[in-house]
Amino acid sequence: MPDKKKNASKFQNYTFQTKALAAHFRFTKGSGEDFGPEFALAFHGRAPFKHKEKTGDHRHQEISFTHSWVHISTKQESGGVYTAVAKTGLRNLNVKDKLVADEIEAGMMAVYRKEWYDGATPSKYPRILPLPPVIRNLRICGQPFQLGKQLLLPEAFELSEEQRKKYFLGEGPEIEPVGVSEAPGKRLPSACGELEVSADTRRIRIPDFGIVTFAEWKWLPPSAHRAAHTVQWMQLVSLELGNPGSGGGGGLSLGGKSGP
């Protein structure tokens, strides 16, 4: 007789959990109107799904941008391969004239293979990687911060197409999100005063402004560091400004789960 218990546990479907958030901000009371949902796109369900939306501009004396967009696509390929890509971007970002960038673009990709569900080391969850970001003409208090020069991101952001292909085939250990360091690094003179740059270059304290963090990449919720319980979140630019408030741009969450 067939083993009903075994058959009941066989792979049957995969559910995507994906969100792209172009920008959001929570103002200190009285400083302005919070925003975020109007610049977001989310998908929770099964493939296929594909949508790209221009989410417009935001104009405020504290934080502004002229264009924003969000994009999510999911698909199921032959052989039981499930792929999700989320991207988002901003143009002409300006935060109090102290942080400006012509363009930022962030992305993440997740791949799940049916064979992983029934394999020797079963997994119900995808492999996830950030995509190479775009940051054009970023300046903080007049100082340029170029990718690969003044601003260095974790290795996972810079993997080649061949390395990414092998990783999504299941080769090598899973790559964990890399947190932002608070260890002190360089101090740079600027029009705003001395900038305090962390050792990994991803955290910058600006006098009379606040803290800017780049490529904040972590599990959600952060208290659980196992893919079995979480999705990954990455925000390309995070702002902790005290007054006027906090927020960021280029935010993405990506995950999913397979089941019988």
Protein backbone atom coordinates (compact mmCIF):
# COMPACT_ATOMS: atom_id res chain seq x y z
CA MET A 1 0.00 0.00 0.00
CA PRO A 2 1.22 3.55 -0.67
CA ASP A 3 2.57 5.52 2.25
CA LYS A 4 -0.15 8.17 2.64
CA LYS A 5 1.86 10.16 5.18
CA LYS A 6 4.83 10.35 2.82
CA ASN A 7 2.67 11.31 -0.16
CA ALA A 8 0.95 14.02 1.88
CA SER A 9 4.29 15.72 2.48
CA LYS A 10 5.23 15.88 -1.20
CA PHE A 11 5.83 19.29 -2.71
CA GLN A 12 2.67 20.84 -4.15
CA ASN A 13 3.15 24.59 -4.36
CA TYR A 14 5.33 27.59 -3.63
CA THR A 15 4.10 30.93 -2.24
CA PHE A 16 5.98 34.17 -2.85
CA GLN A 17 6.21 37.00 -0.32
CA THR A 18 7.56 40.15 -1.96
CA LYS A 19 7.47 43.93 -1.46
CA ALA A 20 9.12 46.87 -3.21
CA LEU A 21 9.10 50.25 -1.46
CA ALA A 22 10.51 53.20 -3.37
CA ALA A 23 10.52 55.61 -0.40
CA HIS A 24 9.01 56.15 3.03
CA PHE A 25 9.37 58.63 5.84
CA ARG A 26 7.89 59.18 9.29
CA PHE A 27 8.14 62.80 10.32
CA THR A 28 8.70 64.13 13.79
CA LYS A 29 5.35 65.42 14.99
CA GLY A 30 4.37 68.59 13.14
CA SER A 31 7.22 68.43 10.61
CA GLY A 32 5.20 67.03 7.70
CA GLU A 33 2.93 64.26 6.48
CA ASP A 34 4.22 60.69 6.70
CA PHE A 35 4.40 58.78 3.41
CA GLY A 36 5.20 55.30 2.19
CA PRO A 37 2.20 53.14 1.16
CA GLU A 38 1.62 55.19 -2.00
CA PHE A 39 5.18 54.37 -3.12
CA ALA A 40 4.92 50.61 -2.52
CA LEU A 41 4.00 47.43 -4.39
CA ALA A 42 3.48 44.05 -2.70
CA PHE A 43 2.70 40.52 -3.85
CA HIS A 44 1.83 37.49 -1.73
CA GLY A 45 0.75 34.47 -3.73
CA ARG A 46 1.72 32.05 -6.46
CA ALA A 47 3.36 32.68 -9.83
CA PRO A 48 3.07 34.22 -12.30
CA PHE A 49 2.94 37.90 -11.40
CA LYS A 50 4.53 40.87 -13.13
CA HIS A 51 3.89 44.54 -12.54
CA LYS A 52 5.87 47.76 -12.82
CA GLU A 53 4.44 51.05 -11.65
CA LYS A 54 5.62 54.63 -11.75
CA THR A 55 4.74 55.91 -8.28
CA GLY A 56 5.47 59.57 -8.91
CA ASP A 57 7.24 62.32 -7.03
CA HIS A 58 7.29 63.77 -3.55
CA ARG A 59 8.04 67.39 -2.84
CA HIS A 60 8.78 68.66 0.66
CA GLN A 61 11.38 71.03 2.05
CA GLU A 62 12.90 68.21 4.12
CA ILE A 63 12.88 65.33 1.62
CA SER A 64 12.00 65.24 -2.06
CA PHE A 65 12.43 63.26 -5.28
CA THR A 66 11.14 63.82 -8.81
CA HIS A 67 10.49 60.23 -9.95
CA SER A 68 9.96 56.85 -8.29
CA TRP A 69 9.07 53.36 -9.48
CA VAL A 70 8.52 49.83 -8.18
CA HIS A 71 8.63 46.49 -9.95
CA ILE A 72 7.91 42.88 -8.96
CA SER A 73 7.98 39.78 -11.15
CA THR A 74 7.55 36.13 -10.20
CA LYS A 75 7.56 33.07 -12.43
CA GLN A 76 7.54 29.30 -12.41
CA GLU A 77 9.87 27.58 -14.86
CA SER A 78 9.94 24.00 -16.06
CA GLY A 79 11.36 21.54 -13.58
CA GLY A 80 9.88 23.34 -10.60
CA VAL A 81 12.07 26.44 -10.46
CA TYR A 82 10.46 29.48 -8.84
CA THR A 83 12.04 32.91 -9.30
CA ALA A 84 11.16 36.30 -7.84
CA VAL A 85 12.73 39.68 -8.61
CA ALA A 86 11.90 42.95 -6.87
CA LYS A 87 13.33 46.32 -7.86
CA THR A 88 12.74 49.94 -7.02
CA GLY A 89 14.28 53.31 -7.72
CA LEU A 90 14.31 57.06 -7.16
CA ARG A 91 15.58 60.01 -9.16
CA ASN A 92 16.83 63.34 -7.89
CA LEU A 93 16.70 62.44 -4.21
CA ASN A 94 17.29 65.43 -1.95
CA VAL A 95 17.27 65.34 1.85
CA LYS A 96 17.62 68.84 3.33
CA ASP A 97 20.22 69.67 0.65
CA LYS A 98 22.72 67.60 2.63
CA LEU A 99 22.21 64.24 0.93
CA VAL A 100 21.57 64.33 -2.81
CA ALA A 101 21.70 61.69 -5.53
CA ASP A 102 20.78 61.77 -9.20
CA GLU A 103 19.50 58.19 -9.05
CA ILE A 104 19.35 55.16 -6.80
CA GLU A 105 18.15 51.69 -7.78
CA ALA A 106 17.91 48.64 -5.55
CA GLY A 107 16.98 45.04 -6.30
CA MET A 108 16.75 41.56 -4.82
CA MET A 109 16.30 38.11 -6.33
CA ALA A 110 15.09 34.83 -4.84
CA VAL A 111 15.15 31.34 -6.33
CA TYR A 112 13.53 28.17 -5.04
CA ARG A 113 13.88 24.74 -6.60
CA LYS A 114 11.38 21.94 -6.07
CA GLU A 115 14.26 19.47 -5.73
CA TRP A 116 15.31 21.20 -2.49
CA TYR A 117 12.03 20.16 -0.85
CA ASP A 118 12.67 16.45 -1.31
CA GLY A 119 16.45 16.53 -1.25
CA ALA A 120 18.92 14.99 1.18
CA THR A 121 18.86 18.25 3.19
CA PRO A 122 15.27 19.42 2.70
CA SER A 123 14.57 23.14 2.54
CA LYS A 124 11.24 24.91 2.14
CA TYR A 125 12.77 28.33 1.64
CA PRO A 126 14.52 30.15 -1.22
CA ARG A 127 18.02 31.41 -1.69
CA ILE A 128 18.08 35.22 -1.79
CA LEU A 129 20.65 37.73 -3.00
CA PRO A 130 20.68 41.51 -3.43
CA LEU A 131 21.20 42.65 -7.00
CA PRO A 132 24.01 45.07 -7.89
CA PRO A 133 22.69 48.52 -6.92
CA VAL A 134 22.82 51.77 -8.86
CA ILE A 135 23.91 54.94 -7.06
CA ARG A 136 24.62 57.89 -9.34
CA ASN A 137 26.25 61.13 -8.25
CA LEU A 138 25.68 60.66 -4.53
CA ARG A 139 26.97 63.54 -2.43
CA ILE A 140 26.82 64.09 1.31
CA CYS A 141 27.46 67.68 2.34
CA GLY A 142 29.28 68.14 -0.95
CA GLN A 143 31.49 65.06 -0.55
CA PRO A 144 31.17 62.41 -3.29
CA PHE A 145 30.43 58.82 -2.24
CA GLN A 146 30.97 56.47 -5.19
CA LEU A 147 30.33 52.75 -5.13
CA GLY A 148 33.59 50.84 -4.95
CA LYS A 149 35.50 53.90 -3.77
CA GLN A 150 34.22 55.91 -0.81
CA LEU A 151 31.28 53.51 -0.39
CA LEU A 152 31.94 49.76 -0.12
CA LEU A 153 29.12 47.21 0.02
CA PRO A 154 29.22 43.53 1.05
CA GLU A 155 30.60 41.07 -1.46
CA ALA A 156 27.15 39.60 -2.16
CA PHE A 157 26.16 42.83 -3.94
CA GLU A 158 29.04 42.45 -6.39
CA LEU A 159 28.86 38.76 -7.38
CA SER A 160 29.25 38.05 -11.08
CA GLU A 161 26.44 36.56 -13.14
CA GLU A 162 28.27 33.21 -13.14
CA GLN A 163 28.63 33.26 -9.34
CA ARG A 164 24.96 34.12 -8.94
CA LYS A 165 23.93 31.34 -11.31
CA LYS A 166 25.89 28.77 -9.32
CA TYR A 167 24.51 30.05 -6.02
CA PHE A 168 20.93 29.77 -7.27
CA LEU A 169 21.66 26.23 -8.46
CA GLY A 170 22.35 25.42 -4.81
CA GLU A 171 26.16 25.43 -4.84
CA GLY A 172 28.04 26.50 -1.72
CA PRO A 173 26.73 27.58 1.68
CA GLU A 174 23.83 29.99 1.98
CA ILE A 175 24.85 33.65 2.12
CA GLU A 176 23.67 35.48 5.22
CA PRO A 177 22.75 39.19 5.32
CA VAL A 178 25.66 41.37 6.44
CA GLY A 179 24.83 43.92 9.13
CA VAL A 180 26.12 47.48 9.17
CA SER A 181 29.16 48.12 11.34
CA GLU A 182 29.24 50.83 14.00
CA ALA A 183 33.00 50.51 14.40
CA PRO A 184 34.67 53.89 13.77
CA GLY A 185 36.50 54.49 10.53
CA LYS A 186 37.51 57.63 8.68
CA ARG A 187 36.58 61.21 9.50
CA LEU A 188 36.08 63.41 6.47
CA PRO A 189 35.84 67.21 6.29
CA SER A 190 32.73 68.55 4.57
CA ALA A 191 30.62 71.66 4.15
CA CYS A 192 28.52 70.46 7.13
CA GLY A 193 31.49 69.76 9.39
CA GLU A 194 33.34 66.52 10.01
CA LEU A 195 31.64 63.36 8.73
CA GLU A 196 32.11 60.22 10.84
CA VAL A 197 32.30 57.21 8.51
CA SER A 198 32.12 53.67 9.91
CA ALA A 199 34.87 51.14 9.25
CA ASP A 200 32.76 49.41 6.60
CA THR A 201 31.83 52.83 5.07
CA ARG A 202 28.08 52.04 5.22
CA ARG A 203 27.20 54.24 8.21
CA ILE A 204 27.81 58.00 8.15
CA ARG A 205 27.08 60.44 10.97
CA ILE A 206 26.51 64.01 9.78
CA PRO A 207 26.70 66.96 12.21
CA ASP A 208 23.34 68.60 12.98
CA PHE A 209 21.63 66.15 10.63
CA GLY A 210 21.73 62.54 11.78
CA ILE A 211 22.83 59.15 10.51
CA VAL A 212 22.68 57.78 6.98
CA THR A 213 23.08 54.04 6.44
CA PHE A 214 23.64 52.29 3.12
CA ALA A 215 22.58 48.76 2.15
CA GLU A 216 20.90 47.92 5.44
CA TRP A 217 20.44 44.16 4.90
CA LYS A 218 18.92 41.83 7.49
CA TRP A 219 16.47 39.10 8.38
CA LEU A 220 12.94 40.04 9.33
CA PRO A 221 12.17 39.91 12.13
CA PRO A 222 15.77 40.64 13.21
CA SER A 223 15.42 38.54 16.38
CA ALA A 224 15.24 35.35 14.27
CA HIS A 225 18.26 34.62 12.12
CA ARG A 226 16.97 31.51 10.39
CA ALA A 227 15.55 31.56 6.90
CA ALA A 228 12.93 29.07 8.03
CA HIS A 229 11.25 31.81 10.07
CA THR A 230 11.95 34.98 8.14
CA VAL A 231 12.24 36.95 4.93
CA GLN A 232 15.11 39.24 4.01
CA TRP A 233 14.90 43.04 4.00
CA MET A 234 17.29 45.39 2.25
CA GLN A 235 17.10 49.19 2.14
CA LEU A 236 19.64 50.99 0.01
CA VAL A 237 19.43 54.34 1.85
CA SER A 238 18.26 54.54 5.47
CA LEU A 239 17.78 57.83 7.31
CA GLU A 240 17.76 58.41 11.07
CA LEU A 241 17.55 62.18 11.36
CA GLY A 242 15.85 62.84 14.68
CA ASN A 243 14.22 65.98 13.38
CA PRO A 244 12.59 65.85 10.82
CA GLY A 245 12.30 62.07 11.34
CA SER A 246 13.31 58.73 9.85
CA GLY A 247 12.80 56.75 6.66
CA GLY A 248 14.66 55.80 3.54
CA GLY A 249 14.61 54.79 -0.09
CA GLY A 250 15.14 51.66 -2.14
CA GLY A 251 13.49 49.23 0.27
CA LEU A 252 12.78 45.57 -0.57
CA SER A 253 11.61 42.47 1.26
CA LEU A 254 11.77 39.05 -0.36
CA GLY A 255 11.01 35.52 0.72
CA GLY A 256 8.67 32.61 0.19
CA LYS A 257 7.71 29.15 1.33
CA SER A 258 6.98 25.79 -0.25
CA GLY A 259 4.57 23.27 1.11
CA PRO A 260 2.33 20.29 0.46
